[in-house]
């Protein structure tokens, strides 16, 4: 009679194997639960800061507190507040100038205009309208200039400006026996003369009583001469050396 096979050993082996598997899972689970205690952020990327959270580093990078931001200086603001350079300034002499001398100098007092007008520059100062005239040979004068002006009638009128060697020399020139009338006009001496011939027979001369300057106007009629004579400009005798800028 044969002996039946034993079943107890295989069952025991299965039980042992299951126990080993359970032990292994227990060890692994314990390791996973208690083995890693490193704080978050030591090796991992930090989480984003929640909106409204106070982050000192973030606050320092994005700007100061409201009070500090108000006191912060802005380089652009500094540039705006600094005075900007201006163009070249006038000399101090010009800044305080009250008078302009005939030679173009600006001064604080009329007493600084010590010389009398002279030459072509002086002539154009004494008679501002002479700027556009043509300088001619002196012909017994210091300086001499001529202009031709058209009257409203269409007639041409000649205007001659002169500087004489002296006031006496100028007076002698006009008192040559042809004087028709002598008078004072607008502060100057006036001589009305009539030429014997020529197209500009009607002549009037004006001269400063105490300065060697004169202007003579020649017209083909009394009306043309007087019209242009009224346009002639000259400086008042007190302003020959200089005039006020104020």
C-alpha atoms as a PDB file:
ATOM      1  CA  UNK A   1       0.000   0.000   0.000  1.00  0.00           C
ATOM      2  CA  UNK A   2       1.444   3.406  -1.115  1.00  0.00           C
ATOM      3  CA  UNK A   3       2.038   6.379   1.316  1.00  0.00           C
ATOM      4  CA  UNK A   4      -0.026   9.563   0.488  1.00  0.00           C
ATOM      5  CA  UNK A   5       2.024  12.826  -0.210  1.00  0.00           C
ATOM      6  CA  UNK A   6       2.470  15.465   2.565  1.00  0.00           C
ATOM      7  CA  UNK A   7       0.712  18.816   2.102  1.00  0.00           C
ATOM      8  CA  UNK A   8       1.875  20.696   5.215  1.00  0.00           C
ATOM      9  CA  UNK A   9       5.344  21.811   3.927  1.00  0.00           C
ATOM     10  CA  UNK A  10       4.170  23.737   0.817  1.00  0.00           C
ATOM     11  CA  UNK A  11       1.621  25.611   2.865  1.00  0.00           C
ATOM     12  CA  UNK A  12       4.245  26.542   5.419  1.00  0.00           C
ATOM     13  CA  UNK A  13       6.544  27.828   2.676  1.00  0.00           C
ATOM     14  CA  UNK A  14       3.767  30.013   1.245  1.00  0.00           C
ATOM     15  CA  UNK A  15       3.042  31.467   4.661  1.00  0.00           C
ATOM     16  CA  UNK A  16       6.728  32.249   5.211  1.00  0.00           C
ATOM     17  CA  UNK A  17       6.959  33.922   1.789  1.00  0.00           C
ATOM     18  CA  UNK A  18       3.913  36.092   2.490  1.00  0.00           C
ATOM     19  CA  UNK A  19       5.383  37.154   5.826  1.00  0.00           C
ATOM     20  CA  UNK A  20       8.648  38.143   4.143  1.00  0.00           C
ATOM     21  CA  UNK A  21       6.794  40.213   1.532  1.00  0.00           C
ATOM     22  CA  UNK A  22       4.773  41.921   4.262  1.00  0.00           C
ATOM     23  CA  UNK A  23       7.945  42.693   6.193  1.00  0.00           C
ATOM     24  CA  UNK A  24       9.615  44.186   3.125  1.00  0.00           C
ATOM     25  CA  UNK A  25       6.625  46.469   2.422  1.00  0.00           C
ATOM     26  CA  UNK A  26       6.576  47.539   6.042  1.00  0.00           C
ATOM     27  CA  UNK A  27      10.234  48.528   6.002  1.00  0.00           C
ATOM     28  CA  UNK A  28       9.849  50.454   2.728  1.00  0.00           C
ATOM     29  CA  UNK A  29       6.758  52.290   3.972  1.00  0.00           C
ATOM     30  CA  UNK A  30       8.457  53.314   7.198  1.00  0.00           C
ATOM     31  CA  UNK A  31      11.432  54.627   5.259  1.00  0.00           C
ATOM     32  CA  UNK A  32       9.174  56.672   3.010  1.00  0.00           C
ATOM     33  CA  UNK A  33       7.231  58.058   5.958  1.00  0.00           C
ATOM     34  CA  UNK A  34      10.066  59.005   8.305  1.00  0.00           C
ATOM     35  CA  UNK A  35      13.290  58.961   6.328  1.00  0.00           C
ATOM     36  CA  UNK A  36      13.115  62.450   4.436  1.00  0.00           C
ATOM     37  CA  UNK A  37      12.843  65.382   6.898  1.00  0.00           C
ATOM     38  CA  UNK A  38      14.693  68.083   4.790  1.00  0.00           C
ATOM     39  CA  UNK A  39      12.686  71.372   4.737  1.00  0.00           C
ATOM     40  CA  UNK A  40      11.149  72.413   1.477  1.00  0.00           C
ATOM     41  CA  UNK A  41      13.292  74.919  -0.442  1.00  0.00           C
ATOM     42  CA  UNK A  42      16.685  73.542   0.606  1.00  0.00           C
ATOM     43  CA  UNK A  43      17.023  71.594  -2.605  1.00  0.00           C
ATOM     44  CA  UNK A  44      13.815  72.419  -4.450  1.00  0.00           C
ATOM     45  CA  UNK A  45      12.641  75.580  -6.147  1.00  0.00           C
ATOM     46  CA  UNK A  46      10.691  77.889  -3.740  1.00  0.00           C
ATOM     47  CA  UNK A  47       7.013  78.317  -4.191  1.00  0.00           C
ATOM     48  CA  UNK A  48       5.652  81.614  -5.546  1.00  0.00           C
ATOM     49  CA  UNK A  49       4.823  84.214  -2.909  1.00  0.00           C
ATOM     50  CA  UNK A  50       1.102  84.630  -2.542  1.00  0.00           C
ATOM     51  CA  UNK A  51      -0.355  87.957  -3.638  1.00  0.00           C
ATOM     52  CA  UNK A  52      -0.168  90.436  -0.769  1.00  0.00           C
ATOM     53  CA  UNK A  53       2.451  88.491   1.206  1.00  0.00           C
ATOM     54  CA  UNK A  54       5.347  90.471   2.649  1.00  0.00           C
ATOM     55  CA  UNK A  55       8.571  89.397   0.938  1.00  0.00           C
ATOM     56  CA  UNK A  56      11.531  91.579   2.097  1.00  0.00           C
ATOM     57  CA  UNK A  57      13.686  90.817  -0.931  1.00  0.00           C
ATOM     58  CA  UNK A  58      10.851  91.398  -3.368  1.00  0.00           C
ATOM     59  CA  UNK A  59       9.974  94.681  -1.667  1.00  0.00           C
ATOM     60  CA  UNK A  60      13.568  95.923  -1.864  1.00  0.00           C
ATOM     61  CA  UNK A  61      13.808  95.190  -5.588  1.00  0.00           C
ATOM     62  CA  UNK A  62      10.468  96.619  -6.638  1.00  0.00           C
ATOM     63  CA  UNK A  63      10.675  99.864  -4.661  1.00  0.00           C
ATOM     64  CA  UNK A  64      10.770 101.395  -1.193  1.00  0.00           C
ATOM     65  CA  UNK A  65       7.846 101.997   1.092  1.00  0.00           C
ATOM     66  CA  UNK A  66       5.505 104.863   0.220  1.00  0.00           C
ATOM     67  CA  UNK A  67       7.359 107.244   2.504  1.00  0.00           C
ATOM     68  CA  UNK A  68      10.797 106.389   1.102  1.00  0.00           C
ATOM     69  CA  UNK A  69       9.604 106.496  -2.484  1.00  0.00           C
ATOM     70  CA  UNK A  70       8.385 110.022  -1.948  1.00  0.00           C
ATOM     71  CA  UNK A  71      11.838 111.133  -0.772  1.00  0.00           C
ATOM     72  CA  UNK A  72      13.799 109.380  -3.481  1.00  0.00           C
ATOM     73  CA  UNK A  73      15.646 111.755  -5.813  1.00  0.00           C
ATOM     74  CA  UNK A  74      15.178 111.341  -9.557  1.00  0.00           C
ATOM     75  CA  UNK A  75      18.174 112.269 -11.760  1.00  0.00           C
ATOM     76  CA  UNK A  76      15.777 113.686 -14.360  1.00  0.00           C
ATOM     77  CA  UNK A  77      14.146 115.877 -11.704  1.00  0.00           C
ATOM     78  CA  UNK A  78      17.591 117.152 -10.681  1.00  0.00           C
ATOM     79  CA  UNK A  79      18.370 118.093 -14.264  1.00  0.00           C
ATOM     80  CA  UNK A  80      15.117 120.027 -14.515  1.00  0.00           C
ATOM     81  CA  UNK A  81      15.683 121.898 -11.237  1.00  0.00           C
ATOM     82  CA  UNK A  82      19.259 122.914 -11.995  1.00  0.00           C
ATOM     83  CA  UNK A  83      19.569 126.296 -13.761  1.00  0.00           C
ATOM     84  CA  UNK A  84      20.213 125.862 -17.454  1.00  0.00           C
ATOM     85  CA  UNK A  85      23.063 127.790 -19.054  1.00  0.00           C
ATOM     86  CA  UNK A  86      21.980 130.709 -21.200  1.00  0.00           C
ATOM     87  CA  UNK A  87      23.586 132.260 -24.252  1.00  0.00           C
ATOM     88  CA  UNK A  88      26.396 134.786 -24.120  1.00  0.00           C
ATOM     89  CA  UNK A  89      25.538 137.668 -21.808  1.00  0.00           C
ATOM     90  CA  UNK A  90      26.052 141.302 -22.638  1.00  0.00           C
ATOM     91  CA  UNK A  91      29.071 142.987 -21.040  1.00  0.00           C
ATOM     92  CA  UNK A  92      28.512 144.531 -17.647  1.00  0.00           C
ATOM     93  CA  UNK A  93      29.012 147.929 -19.244  1.00  0.00           C
ATOM     94  CA  UNK A  94      26.011 147.338 -21.538  1.00  0.00           C
ATOM     95  CA  UNK A  95      23.838 145.935 -18.728  1.00  0.00           C
ATOM     96  CA  UNK A  96      24.082 149.249 -16.851  1.00  0.00           C
ATOM     97  CA  UNK A  97      24.205 151.473 -19.937  1.00  0.00           C
ATOM     98  CA  UNK A  98      22.015 154.556 -19.992  1.00  0.00           C
ATOM     99  CA  UNK A  99      23.552 156.332 -22.992  1.00  0.00           C
ATOM    100  CA  UNK A 100      24.837 155.459 -26.434  1.00  0.00           C
ATOM    101  CA  UNK A 101      27.668 157.569 -27.792  1.00  0.00           C
ATOM    102  CA  UNK A 102      27.858 158.560 -31.439  1.00  0.00           C
ATOM    103  CA  UNK A 103      30.737 156.090 -31.961  1.00  0.00           C
ATOM    104  CA  UNK A 104      28.588 153.134 -30.840  1.00  0.00           C
ATOM    105  CA  UNK A 105      29.778 152.829 -27.230  1.00  0.00           C
ATOM    106  CA  UNK A 106      27.182 152.263 -24.500  1.00  0.00           C
ATOM    107  CA  UNK A 107      27.928 154.077 -21.250  1.00  0.00           C
ATOM    108  CA  UNK A 108      26.400 154.766 -17.856  1.00  0.00           C
ATOM    109  CA  UNK A 109      26.580 158.557 -18.209  1.00  0.00           C
ATOM    110  CA  UNK A 110      26.443 161.132 -20.983  1.00  0.00           C
ATOM    111  CA  UNK A 111      29.684 162.523 -19.552  1.00  0.00           C
ATOM    112  CA  UNK A 112      31.446 159.422 -20.925  1.00  0.00           C
ATOM    113  CA  UNK A 113      30.653 160.552 -24.487  1.00  0.00           C
ATOM    114  CA  UNK A 114      33.572 162.948 -24.570  1.00  0.00           C
ATOM    115  CA  UNK A 115      34.196 163.424 -28.297  1.00  0.00           C
ATOM    116  CA  UNK A 116      32.227 165.141 -31.050  1.00  0.00           C
ATOM    117  CA  UNK A 117      30.946 163.213 -34.084  1.00  0.00           C
ATOM    118  CA  UNK A 118      33.428 163.010 -36.922  1.00  0.00           C
ATOM    119  CA  UNK A 119      33.837 161.483 -40.380  1.00  0.00           C
ATOM    120  CA  UNK A 120      31.326 159.388 -42.295  1.00  0.00           C
ATOM    121  CA  UNK A 121      30.231 157.568 -39.141  1.00  0.00           C
ATOM    122  CA  UNK A 122      29.635 160.871 -37.422  1.00  0.00           C
ATOM    123  CA  UNK A 123      27.679 162.179 -40.409  1.00  0.00           C
ATOM    124  CA  UNK A 124      25.377 159.148 -40.358  1.00  0.00           C
ATOM    125  CA  UNK A 125      24.874 159.618 -36.628  1.00  0.00           C
ATOM    126  CA  UNK A 126      24.016 163.325 -36.916  1.00  0.00           C
ATOM    127  CA  UNK A 127      21.753 162.705 -39.939  1.00  0.00           C
ATOM    128  CA  UNK A 128      20.220 159.193 -39.607  1.00  0.00           C
ATOM    129  CA  UNK A 129      18.706 159.480 -43.096  1.00  0.00           C
ATOM    130  CA  UNK A 130      22.176 159.692 -44.629  1.00  0.00           C
ATOM    131  CA  UNK A 131      22.723 155.931 -44.244  1.00  0.00           C
ATOM    132  CA  UNK A 132      21.556 155.294 -47.800  1.00  0.00           C
ATOM    133  CA  UNK A 133      23.425 158.209 -49.360  1.00  0.00           C
ATOM    134  CA  UNK A 134      26.544 157.995 -51.509  1.00  0.00           C
ATOM    135  CA  UNK A 135      29.785 159.405 -50.194  1.00  0.00           C
ATOM    136  CA  UNK A 136      31.255 161.929 -52.608  1.00  0.00           C
ATOM    137  CA  UNK A 137      34.610 163.753 -52.881  1.00  0.00           C
ATOM    138  CA  UNK A 138      34.864 166.216 -49.985  1.00  0.00           C
ATOM    139  CA  UNK A 139      35.096 169.346 -52.200  1.00  0.00           C
ATOM    140  CA  UNK A 140      36.296 171.658 -49.436  1.00  0.00           C
ATOM    141  CA  UNK A 141      34.505 169.761 -46.664  1.00  0.00           C
ATOM    142  CA  UNK A 142      35.626 167.105 -44.181  1.00  0.00           C
ATOM    143  CA  UNK A 143      33.045 164.613 -45.455  1.00  0.00           C
ATOM    144  CA  UNK A 144      30.242 164.885 -48.007  1.00  0.00           C
ATOM    145  CA  UNK A 145      27.369 162.602 -49.091  1.00  0.00           C
ATOM    146  CA  UNK A 146      24.492 162.920 -51.594  1.00  0.00           C
ATOM    147  CA  UNK A 147      21.033 161.386 -52.085  1.00  0.00           C
ATOM    148  CA  UNK A 148      18.354 161.839 -54.753  1.00  0.00           C
ATOM    149  CA  UNK A 149      14.724 161.586 -53.605  1.00  0.00           C
ATOM    150  CA  UNK A 150      11.532 161.652 -55.676  1.00  0.00           C
ATOM    151  CA  UNK A 151       8.875 164.105 -54.490  1.00  0.00           C
ATOM    152  CA  UNK A 152       5.164 163.315 -54.668  1.00  0.00           C
ATOM    153  CA  UNK A 153       4.958 165.455 -57.829  1.00  0.00           C
ATOM    154  CA  UNK A 154       7.417 163.108 -59.511  1.00  0.00           C
ATOM    155  CA  UNK A 155      10.208 165.670 -59.478  1.00  0.00           C
ATOM    156  CA  UNK A 156      13.683 164.713 -58.257  1.00  0.00           C
ATOM    157  CA  UNK A 157      15.127 166.424 -55.207  1.00  0.00           C
ATOM    158  CA  UNK A 158      18.793 166.321 -54.205  1.00  0.00           C
ATOM    159  CA  UNK A 159      19.883 166.159 -50.561  1.00  0.00           C
ATOM    160  CA  UNK A 160      23.508 166.956 -49.651  1.00  0.00           C
ATOM    161  CA  UNK A 161      24.983 166.264 -46.194  1.00  0.00           C
ATOM    162  CA  UNK A 162      28.223 167.957 -45.107  1.00  0.00           C
ATOM    163  CA  UNK A 163      30.754 168.151 -42.295  1.00  0.00           C
ATOM    164  CA  UNK A 164      32.777 171.362 -42.410  1.00  0.00           C
ATOM    165  CA  UNK A 165      36.189 172.136 -40.982  1.00  0.00           C
ATOM    166  CA  UNK A 166      34.452 174.477 -38.534  1.00  0.00           C
ATOM    167  CA  UNK A 167      31.118 176.142 -37.935  1.00  0.00           C
ATOM    168  CA  UNK A 168      32.549 179.387 -39.287  1.00  0.00           C
ATOM    169  CA  UNK A 169      33.646 177.667 -42.511  1.00  0.00           C
ATOM    170  CA  UNK A 170      30.132 176.381 -43.066  1.00  0.00           C
ATOM    171  CA  UNK A 171      28.573 179.770 -42.477  1.00  0.00           C
ATOM    172  CA  UNK A 172      30.953 181.443 -44.890  1.00  0.00           C
ATOM    173  CA  UNK A 173      29.970 178.950 -47.566  1.00  0.00           C
ATOM    174  CA  UNK A 174      26.298 179.937 -47.361  1.00  0.00           C
ATOM    175  CA  UNK A 175      26.839 183.691 -46.957  1.00  0.00           C
ATOM    176  CA  UNK A 176      28.156 184.065 -50.472  1.00  0.00           C
ATOM    177  CA  UNK A 177      25.902 186.847 -51.678  1.00  0.00           C
ATOM    178  CA  UNK A 178      23.051 184.617 -52.907  1.00  0.00           C
ATOM    179  CA  UNK A 179      21.086 184.356 -49.680  1.00  0.00           C
ATOM    180  CA  UNK A 180      17.400 185.093 -50.181  1.00  0.00           C
ATOM    181  CA  UNK A 181      16.232 184.524 -46.611  1.00  0.00           C
ATOM    182  CA  UNK A 182      17.820 183.681 -43.260  1.00  0.00           C
ATOM    183  CA  UNK A 183      15.824 182.213 -40.373  1.00  0.00           C
ATOM    184  CA  UNK A 184      15.735 179.644 -37.589  1.00  0.00           C
ATOM    185  CA  UNK A 185      13.878 176.420 -38.237  1.00  0.00           C
ATOM    186  CA  UNK A 186      13.440 173.573 -35.758  1.00  0.00           C
ATOM    187  CA  UNK A 187      16.516 174.657 -33.813  1.00  0.00           C
ATOM    188  CA  UNK A 188      18.816 175.037 -36.831  1.00  0.00           C
ATOM    189  CA  UNK A 189      19.885 177.974 -38.956  1.00  0.00           C
ATOM    190  CA  UNK A 190      18.095 178.071 -42.294  1.00  0.00           C
ATOM    191  CA  UNK A 191      19.116 179.768 -45.520  1.00  0.00           C
ATOM    192  CA  UNK A 192      16.850 179.874 -48.572  1.00  0.00           C
ATOM    193  CA  UNK A 193      18.703 180.497 -51.814  1.00  0.00           C
ATOM    194  CA  UNK A 194      17.730 180.677 -55.474  1.00  0.00           C
ATOM    195  CA  UNK A 195      20.243 179.499 -58.030  1.00  0.00           C
ATOM    196  CA  UNK A 196      20.693 181.473 -61.231  1.00  0.00           C
ATOM    197  CA  UNK A 197      20.352 178.438 -63.468  1.00  0.00           C
ATOM    198  CA  UNK A 198      19.915 174.681 -63.488  1.00  0.00           C
ATOM    199  CA  UNK A 199      17.004 172.329 -62.920  1.00  0.00           C
ATOM    200  CA  UNK A 200      17.281 172.464 -59.102  1.00  0.00           C
ATOM    201  CA  UNK A 201      17.164 176.217 -58.607  1.00  0.00           C
ATOM    202  CA  UNK A 202      15.356 176.231 -55.255  1.00  0.00           C
ATOM    203  CA  UNK A 203      17.730 175.556 -52.436  1.00  0.00           C
ATOM    204  CA  UNK A 204      17.439 175.497 -48.638  1.00  0.00           C
ATOM    205  CA  UNK A 205      20.355 174.874 -46.282  1.00  0.00           C
ATOM    206  CA  UNK A 206      20.123 173.927 -42.606  1.00  0.00           C
ATOM    207  CA  UNK A 207      23.100 174.163 -40.246  1.00  0.00           C
ATOM    208  CA  UNK A 208      23.723 173.643 -36.544  1.00  0.00           C
ATOM    209  CA  UNK A 209      24.388 176.994 -34.839  1.00  0.00           C
ATOM    210  CA  UNK A 210      27.421 175.655 -32.934  1.00  0.00           C
ATOM    211  CA  UNK A 211      28.464 172.513 -34.814  1.00  0.00           C
ATOM    212  CA  UNK A 212      30.011 172.019 -38.281  1.00  0.00           C
ATOM    213  CA  UNK A 213      27.151 170.012 -39.802  1.00  0.00           C
ATOM    214  CA  UNK A 214      24.735 171.029 -42.539  1.00  0.00           C
ATOM    215  CA  UNK A 215      22.177 169.591 -44.942  1.00  0.00           C
ATOM    216  CA  UNK A 216      21.112 171.228 -48.190  1.00  0.00           C
ATOM    217  CA  UNK A 217      18.006 170.384 -50.234  1.00  0.00           C
ATOM    218  CA  UNK A 218      17.699 171.265 -53.934  1.00  0.00           C
ATOM    219  CA  UNK A 219      14.349 171.122 -55.767  1.00  0.00           C
ATOM    220  CA  UNK A 220      12.898 172.199 -59.092  1.00  0.00           C
ATOM    221  CA  UNK A 221      10.148 174.043 -57.163  1.00  0.00           C
ATOM    222  CA  UNK A 222       9.531 175.478 -53.725  1.00  0.00           C
ATOM    223  CA  UNK A 223       6.910 172.776 -53.104  1.00  0.00           C
ATOM    224  CA  UNK A 224       9.214 169.856 -53.951  1.00  0.00           C
ATOM    225  CA  UNK A 225      12.032 171.312 -51.885  1.00  0.00           C
ATOM    226  CA  UNK A 226       9.861 171.957 -48.832  1.00  0.00           C
ATOM    227  CA  UNK A 227       8.255 168.502 -49.032  1.00  0.00           C
ATOM    228  CA  UNK A 228      11.598 166.706 -48.925  1.00  0.00           C
ATOM    229  CA  UNK A 229      13.051 169.150 -46.394  1.00  0.00           C
ATOM    230  CA  UNK A 230      10.273 168.127 -43.994  1.00  0.00           C
ATOM    231  CA  UNK A 231      11.444 164.487 -44.281  1.00  0.00           C
ATOM    232  CA  UNK A 232      15.062 165.215 -43.360  1.00  0.00           C
ATOM    233  CA  UNK A 233      16.067 163.836 -39.948  1.00  0.00           C
ATOM    234  CA  UNK A 234      18.739 165.205 -37.652  1.00  0.00           C
ATOM    235  CA  UNK A 235      19.601 164.881 -33.998  1.00  0.00           C
ATOM    236  CA  UNK A 236      18.869 167.591 -31.483  1.00  0.00           C
ATOM    237  CA  UNK A 237      21.985 169.654 -30.699  1.00  0.00           C
ATOM    238  CA  UNK A 238      22.072 168.295 -27.124  1.00  0.00           C
ATOM    239  CA  UNK A 239      22.285 164.726 -28.493  1.00  0.00           C
ATOM    240  CA  UNK A 240      25.177 165.165 -30.905  1.00  0.00           C
ATOM    241  CA  UNK A 241      27.684 163.347 -28.688  1.00  0.00           C
ATOM    242  CA  UNK A 242      25.244 160.718 -27.449  1.00  0.00           C
ATOM    243  CA  UNK A 243      21.628 159.929 -26.716  1.00  0.00           C
ATOM    244  CA  UNK A 244      19.707 158.351 -23.860  1.00  0.00           C
ATOM    245  CA  UNK A 245      18.741 154.671 -24.109  1.00  0.00           C
ATOM    246  CA  UNK A 246      15.859 155.107 -21.661  1.00  0.00           C
END
